[in-house]
Amino acid sequence: MLRFNGMRVGAAIFVAAALGGCQSVPDASMARGPAAYQVLAPQDAQSMGAYRIGPFDRLTISVYDDPSLSYTDLPVDAEGQFEYPLIGTVTAAGLTSGELTRQIKGRLDDAFYNDARVTVFVNSSASQFVTVEGSVTEPGRYQLPNGRATLLEMIAQAKSPTRTAKLDQVMVFRMEDGQRMGAVFNLAEIRRGAADNPALRGGDIVVVGNSAVKGAFRDFLLTAPFFNVFQAF
């Protein structure tokens, strides 16, 4: 999958909200066509994937025989991280509970423990939403049914693209292993079956472009150091 760079998930959410009232086009360096599916796999490839932790989820973390390292309601912050005793900042966003368990265990074992017995559970998920912005009829934040949906399904929830939307400029942004990734999809090709329908997951941001303001999105990326996709633009 494509890897994202970014400074703050909270800032990214702010960005998505700000884009709701303006038209945008993707930068030329963003992955598109077949390369875009290296970022977001088609529906079949991800439909059975394990749940991945997102910003604002709440976790239970237990370390056997050590109450000082055990929490029953630990919040993940807007950056997808939390602070943990002895090992400091832990990035949870994009990880399954099993992957996070292994990360915490490994860091504890490296510095303080001999075979720490760690368990992680997700108490509640606040990240099972997708933000749909740009040239759609009803921009907003929409809940994912069963934690997964396709790009077409989420755009349909936003009441479809507007008449002026650029269907070949549909951008999707995602947090993966604490980094931000992005790709461009052609909605017209997906609709007629000429391209796969990518699977979305909680925390994704969809921006449907509009050619009315050429380069608006590129200009934003150039001036926003916290939101740098793939490489320098």
Foldseek 3Di string as FASTA:
>chain_A
DFFFAFAWLVVVVVVLVVQQVDFAFDDPPFAEDPRQCVVFPFCVVPVPPADAADAQWWKFKDWPPDPQQTDDTFHQHRLQWGAGPPQGIDRRGQHHQVVSQVVVQVSCCVPPDPRIDMGMDTPDGPQQWEFEHAFAQAGDIGGDDVFKDWPVVVSVVSVHGDPQWQQQGKKKWDHHSSRIAMHTYRNVCCVVVNDGTGMDGGSMYIHTHGPPPPCPVVVVQQPDPRGHHPDHD
